[in-house]
Amino acid sequence: MEKPRLKNRPWNDWIAEYGLAHQHPVNRVCHTLGIPLVTLSLLGLPLGLLWQPLWLICGVLFTAGWLLQFIGHAFEGKPPEFFKDWRFLLVGLSWWWGKLRGKY
């Protein structure tokens, strides 16, 4: 069975590159918290059409999640990987999911 690929690169290469840019323990904690906050905020937006106060909650979660991640990169001393390639936004989510399962 062929392993998943993204832009003719094996998925493991993307994850490895992402991991190299996220070595500092503070950065890793910030991403572990920030990535789900951003994801939850985006998932909640459609419900915000039904219940408008949810827009404010989603905005706070989105802002807090990104703030955590940029703080983490300040500790890391490296810019976010998605500045090089937007697909690292997807890789980051996959890294977070793998980390929850003890994979990374």
N, C-alpha and C. Protein backbone atom coordinates (compact mmCIF):
# COMPACT_ATOMS: atom_id res chain seq x y z
N MET A 1 0.83 -1.17 0.00
CA MET A 1 0.00 0.00 0.00
C MET A 1 0.89 1.25 0.00
N GLU A 2 0.61 2.17 -0.92
CA GLU A 2 1.42 3.37 -1.03
C GLU A 2 1.12 4.35 0.10
N LYS A 3 2.18 4.94 0.65
CA LYS A 3 2.00 5.90 1.74
C LYS A 3 1.49 7.22 1.19
N PRO A 4 0.75 7.99 2.01
CA PRO A 4 0.20 9.27 1.56
C PRO A 4 1.31 10.24 1.15
N ARG A 5 1.00 11.06 0.15
CA ARG A 5 1.96 12.03 -0.36
C ARG A 5 1.27 13.39 -0.47
N LEU A 6 2.07 14.42 -0.39
CA LEU A 6 1.59 15.78 -0.58
C LEU A 6 2.64 16.49 -1.42
N LYS A 7 2.21 16.96 -2.58
CA LYS A 7 3.12 17.64 -3.52
C LYS A 7 4.33 16.76 -3.82
N ASN A 8 4.06 15.51 -4.16
CA ASN A 8 5.08 14.53 -4.53
C ASN A 8 6.13 14.30 -3.45
N ARG A 9 5.79 14.60 -2.21
CA ARG A 9 6.67 14.31 -1.07
C ARG A 9 5.92 13.37 -0.13
N PRO A 10 6.60 12.38 0.40
CA PRO A 10 5.94 11.52 1.38
C PRO A 10 5.49 12.33 2.60
N TRP A 11 4.35 11.97 3.14
CA TRP A 11 3.80 12.67 4.28
C TRP A 11 4.80 12.72 5.43
N ASN A 12 5.56 11.65 5.64
CA ASN A 12 6.55 11.60 6.72
C ASN A 12 7.61 12.68 6.57
N ASP A 13 7.96 13.04 5.32
CA ASP A 13 8.92 14.12 5.10
C ASP A 13 8.37 15.46 5.57
N TRP A 14 7.09 15.70 5.30
CA TRP A 14 6.46 16.95 5.74
C TRP A 14 6.46 17.01 7.27
N ILE A 15 6.07 15.92 7.91
CA ILE A 15 6.02 15.87 9.38
C ILE A 15 7.42 16.06 9.96
N ALA A 16 8.43 15.42 9.35
CA ALA A 16 9.80 15.55 9.85
C ALA A 16 10.28 17.00 9.75
N GLU A 17 9.99 17.65 8.64
CA GLU A 17 10.39 19.05 8.48
C GLU A 17 9.67 19.94 9.50
N TYR A 18 8.40 19.67 9.70
CA TYR A 18 7.63 20.42 10.70
C TYR A 18 8.24 20.21 12.09
N GLY A 19 8.57 18.98 12.40
CA GLY A 19 9.15 18.67 13.70
C GLY A 19 10.48 19.38 13.94
N LEU A 20 11.30 19.52 12.91
CA LEU A 20 12.58 20.21 13.05
C LEU A 20 12.40 21.68 13.39
N ALA A 21 11.31 22.27 12.94
CA ALA A 21 11.04 23.69 13.20
C ALA A 21 10.31 23.89 14.52
N HIS A 22 10.06 22.81 15.24
CA HIS A 22 9.31 22.88 16.50
C HIS A 22 10.01 22.03 17.57
N GLN A 23 11.23 22.40 17.88
CA GLN A 23 12.03 21.64 18.84
C GLN A 23 11.95 22.19 20.26
N HIS A 24 11.81 23.50 20.40
CA HIS A 24 11.82 24.10 21.74
C HIS A 24 10.59 23.64 22.51
N PRO A 25 10.79 23.23 23.77
CA PRO A 25 9.65 22.72 24.56
C PRO A 25 8.51 23.73 24.71
N VAL A 26 8.83 25.01 24.85
CA VAL A 26 7.76 26.01 24.97
C VAL A 26 6.98 26.10 23.66
N ASN A 27 7.68 26.05 22.54
CA ASN A 27 7.01 26.08 21.23
C ASN A 27 6.09 24.88 21.07
N ARG A 28 6.55 23.73 21.48
CA ARG A 28 5.74 22.53 21.36
C ARG A 28 4.48 22.62 22.21
N VAL A 29 4.60 23.13 23.43
CA VAL A 29 3.43 23.29 24.30
C VAL A 29 2.47 24.31 23.69
N CYS A 30 3.03 25.42 23.21
CA CYS A 30 2.18 26.46 22.60
C CYS A 30 1.41 25.92 21.41
N HIS A 31 2.05 25.09 20.61
CA HIS A 31 1.36 24.50 19.46
C HIS A 31 0.36 23.43 19.88
N THR A 32 0.71 22.68 20.91
CA THR A 32 -0.21 21.66 21.41
C THR A 32 -1.51 22.29 21.89
N LEU A 33 -1.43 23.49 22.44
CA LEU A 33 -2.63 24.20 22.89
C LEU A 33 -3.24 25.06 21.78
N GLY A 34 -2.39 25.72 21.01
CA GLY A 34 -2.86 26.68 20.01
C GLY A 34 -3.56 26.05 18.81
N ILE A 35 -3.04 24.95 18.32
CA ILE A 35 -3.62 24.32 17.13
C ILE A 35 -5.08 23.92 17.36
N PRO A 36 -5.41 23.26 18.48
CA PRO A 36 -6.83 22.91 18.67
C PRO A 36 -7.72 24.14 18.89
N LEU A 37 -7.18 25.20 19.48
CA LEU A 37 -7.99 26.41 19.65
C LEU A 37 -8.37 27.01 18.30
N VAL A 38 -7.41 27.09 17.39
CA VAL A 38 -7.69 27.61 16.05
C VAL A 38 -8.67 26.70 15.34
N THR A 39 -8.45 25.39 15.43
CA THR A 39 -9.33 24.43 14.76
C THR A 39 -10.76 24.52 15.30
N LEU A 40 -10.91 24.57 16.61
CA LEU A 40 -12.24 24.70 17.21
C LEU A 40 -12.92 25.98 16.76
N SER A 41 -12.16 27.06 16.69
CA SER A 41 -12.75 28.34 16.27
C SER A 41 -13.29 28.24 14.85
N LEU A 42 -12.55 27.58 13.98
CA LEU A 42 -12.99 27.45 12.58
C LEU A 42 -14.19 26.52 12.46
N LEU A 43 -14.20 25.47 13.27
CA LEU A 43 -15.34 24.55 13.24
C LEU A 43 -16.60 25.19 13.80
N GLY A 44 -16.44 26.13 14.72
CA GLY A 44 -17.59 26.78 15.33
C GLY A 44 -18.21 27.88 14.50
N LEU A 45 -17.50 28.38 13.51
CA LEU A 45 -18.02 29.49 12.72
C LEU A 45 -19.37 29.20 12.07
N PRO A 46 -19.59 28.05 11.46
CA PRO A 46 -20.91 27.79 10.86
C PRO A 46 -22.04 27.85 11.89
N LEU A 47 -21.78 27.37 13.10
CA LEU A 47 -22.81 27.45 14.15
C LEU A 47 -23.07 28.90 14.55
N GLY A 48 -22.06 29.74 14.37
CA GLY A 48 -22.22 31.15 14.68
C GLY A 48 -23.27 31.82 13.83
N LEU A 49 -23.58 31.22 12.70
CA LEU A 49 -24.66 31.76 11.87
C LEU A 49 -26.01 31.59 12.56
N LEU A 50 -26.11 30.56 13.41
CA LEU A 50 -27.35 30.30 14.14
C LEU A 50 -27.39 31.02 15.49
N TRP A 51 -26.23 31.18 16.09
CA TRP A 51 -26.16 31.79 17.42
C TRP A 51 -25.01 32.79 17.41
N GLN A 52 -25.33 34.04 17.22
CA GLN A 52 -24.34 35.07 16.99
C GLN A 52 -23.28 35.22 18.09
N PRO A 53 -23.59 35.03 19.37
CA PRO A 53 -22.52 35.15 20.39
C PRO A 53 -21.37 34.18 20.15
N LEU A 54 -21.63 33.11 19.42
CA LEU A 54 -20.56 32.15 19.13
C LEU A 54 -19.47 32.77 18.27
N TRP A 55 -19.81 33.78 17.47
CA TRP A 55 -18.80 34.46 16.65
C TRP A 55 -17.73 35.07 17.55
N LEU A 56 -18.15 35.70 18.64
CA LEU A 56 -17.19 36.30 19.57
C LEU A 56 -16.32 35.22 20.20
N ILE A 57 -16.93 34.14 20.62
CA ILE A 57 -16.17 33.04 21.23
C ILE A 57 -15.17 32.48 20.23
N CYS A 58 -15.62 32.27 19.00
CA CYS A 58 -14.71 31.76 17.97
C CYS A 58 -13.57 32.73 17.70
N GLY A 59 -13.87 34.02 17.70
CA GLY A 59 -12.83 35.02 17.48
C GLY A 59 -11.79 35.01 18.58
N VAL A 60 -12.24 34.85 19.82
CA VAL A 60 -11.31 34.79 20.95
C VAL A 60 -10.45 33.53 20.86
N LEU A 61 -11.08 32.40 20.56
CA LEU A 61 -10.31 31.14 20.42
C LEU A 61 -9.29 31.24 19.30
N PHE A 62 -9.71 31.79 18.16
CA PHE A 62 -8.83 31.93 17.00
C PHE A 62 -7.62 32.81 17.35
N THR A 63 -7.90 33.95 17.96
CA THR A 63 -6.83 34.88 18.31
C THR A 63 -5.88 34.27 19.35
N ALA A 64 -6.45 33.65 20.36
CA ALA A 64 -5.62 33.03 21.41
C ALA A 64 -4.76 31.90 20.84
N GLY A 65 -5.35 31.11 19.96
CA GLY A 65 -4.60 30.00 19.36
C GLY A 65 -3.41 30.47 18.54
N TRP A 66 -3.63 31.49 17.72
CA TRP A 66 -2.53 32.01 16.91
C TRP A 66 -1.51 32.74 17.76
N LEU A 67 -1.96 33.45 18.76
CA LEU A 67 -1.04 34.14 19.66
C LEU A 67 -0.11 33.13 20.34
N LEU A 68 -0.68 32.04 20.83
CA LEU A 68 0.15 31.00 21.44
C LEU A 68 1.20 30.47 20.47
N GLN A 69 0.79 30.24 19.24
CA GLN A 69 1.73 29.68 18.27
C GLN A 69 2.85 30.67 17.92
N PHE A 70 2.51 31.94 17.79
CA PHE A 70 3.55 32.92 17.49
C PHE A 70 4.47 33.14 18.70
N ILE A 71 3.92 33.05 19.90
CA ILE A 71 4.77 33.11 21.09
C ILE A 71 5.74 31.93 21.08
N GLY A 72 5.24 30.76 20.74
CA GLY A 72 6.10 29.58 20.65
C GLY A 72 7.22 29.77 19.65
N HIS A 73 6.91 30.38 18.51
CA HIS A 73 7.96 30.60 17.51
C HIS A 73 8.96 31.65 17.95
N ALA A 74 8.54 32.57 18.81
CA ALA A 74 9.49 33.53 19.38
C ALA A 74 10.52 32.79 20.23
N PHE A 75 10.06 31.80 20.99
CA PHE A 75 10.99 30.98 21.78
C PHE A 75 11.87 30.13 20.87
N GLU A 76 11.28 29.62 19.80
CA GLU A 76 12.01 28.77 18.86
C GLU A 76 13.06 29.56 18.10
N GLY A 77 12.74 30.83 17.83
CA GLY A 77 13.67 31.66 17.05
C GLY A 77 13.58 31.39 15.56
N LYS A 78 12.48 30.81 15.12
CA LYS A 78 12.26 30.49 13.71
C LYS A 78 10.86 30.92 13.31
N PRO A 79 10.69 31.34 12.06
CA PRO A 79 9.34 31.70 11.62
C PRO A 79 8.49 30.43 11.43
N PRO A 80 7.18 30.58 11.44
CA PRO A 80 6.31 29.43 11.19
C PRO A 80 6.58 28.82 9.81
N GLU A 81 6.45 27.52 9.73
CA GLU A 81 6.70 26.82 8.47
C GLU A 81 5.72 27.23 7.37
N PHE A 82 4.49 27.61 7.75
CA PHE A 82 3.52 27.96 6.72
C PHE A 82 3.89 29.25 6.01
N PHE A 83 4.86 30.01 6.53
CA PHE A 83 5.35 31.18 5.78
C PHE A 83 6.04 30.71 4.50
N LYS A 84 6.64 29.50 4.54
CA LYS A 84 7.30 28.93 3.35
C LYS A 84 6.29 28.25 2.43
N ASP A 85 5.32 27.57 3.02
CA ASP A 85 4.35 26.80 2.24
C ASP A 85 3.08 26.64 3.06
N TRP A 86 1.96 27.12 2.54
CA TRP A 86 0.69 27.10 3.27
C TRP A 86 0.27 25.69 3.68
N ARG A 87 0.75 24.69 2.99
CA ARG A 87 0.35 23.31 3.32
C ARG A 87 0.80 22.88 4.71
N PHE A 88 1.79 23.62 5.26
CA PHE A 88 2.20 23.29 6.62
C PHE A 88 1.10 23.55 7.64
N LEU A 89 0.07 24.32 7.25
CA LEU A 89 -1.09 24.46 8.14
C LEU A 89 -1.77 23.11 8.33
N LEU A 90 -1.86 22.33 7.26
CA LEU A 90 -2.44 20.98 7.34
C LEU A 90 -1.49 20.03 8.06
N VAL A 91 -0.21 20.19 7.80
CA VAL A 91 0.79 19.33 8.44
C VAL A 91 0.76 19.56 9.95
N GLY A 92 0.62 20.82 10.35
CA GLY A 92 0.57 21.13 11.78
C GLY A 92 -0.60 20.45 12.47
N LEU A 93 -1.74 20.47 11.82
CA LEU A 93 -2.91 19.79 12.39
C LEU A 93 -2.67 18.29 12.49
N SER A 94 -2.04 17.72 11.48
CA SER A 94 -1.72 16.30 11.52
C SER A 94 -0.70 15.99 12.62
N TRP A 95 0.29 16.88 12.78
CA TRP A 95 1.28 16.71 13.85
C TRP A 95 0.58 16.71 15.21
N TRP A 96 -0.34 17.66 15.41
CA TRP A 96 -1.07 17.75 16.67
C TRP A 96 -1.84 16.46 16.94
N TRP A 97 -2.54 15.97 15.93
CA TRP A 97 -3.33 14.75 16.07
C TRP A 97 -2.42 13.56 16.40
N GLY A 98 -1.28 13.48 15.71
CA GLY A 98 -0.32 12.42 15.99
C GLY A 98 0.26 12.53 17.40
N LYS A 99 0.50 13.75 17.83
CA LYS A 99 1.04 13.96 19.18
C LYS A 99 0.04 13.49 20.23
N LEU A 100 -1.25 13.75 20.01
CA LEU A 100 -2.27 13.28 20.95
C LEU A 100 -2.27 11.75 21.06
N ARG A 101 -1.97 11.11 19.96
CA ARG A 101 -1.95 9.64 19.94
C ARG A 101 -0.61 9.07 20.34
N GLY A 102 0.34 9.94 20.75
CA GLY A 102 1.65 9.48 21.19
C GLY A 102 2.58 9.12 20.05
N LYS A 103 2.29 9.58 18.86
CA LYS A 103 3.09 9.24 17.69
C LYS A 103 4.32 10.13 17.55
N TYR A 104 4.22 11.39 17.98
CA TYR A 104 5.35 12.34 17.85
C TYR A 104 5.76 12.86 19.21
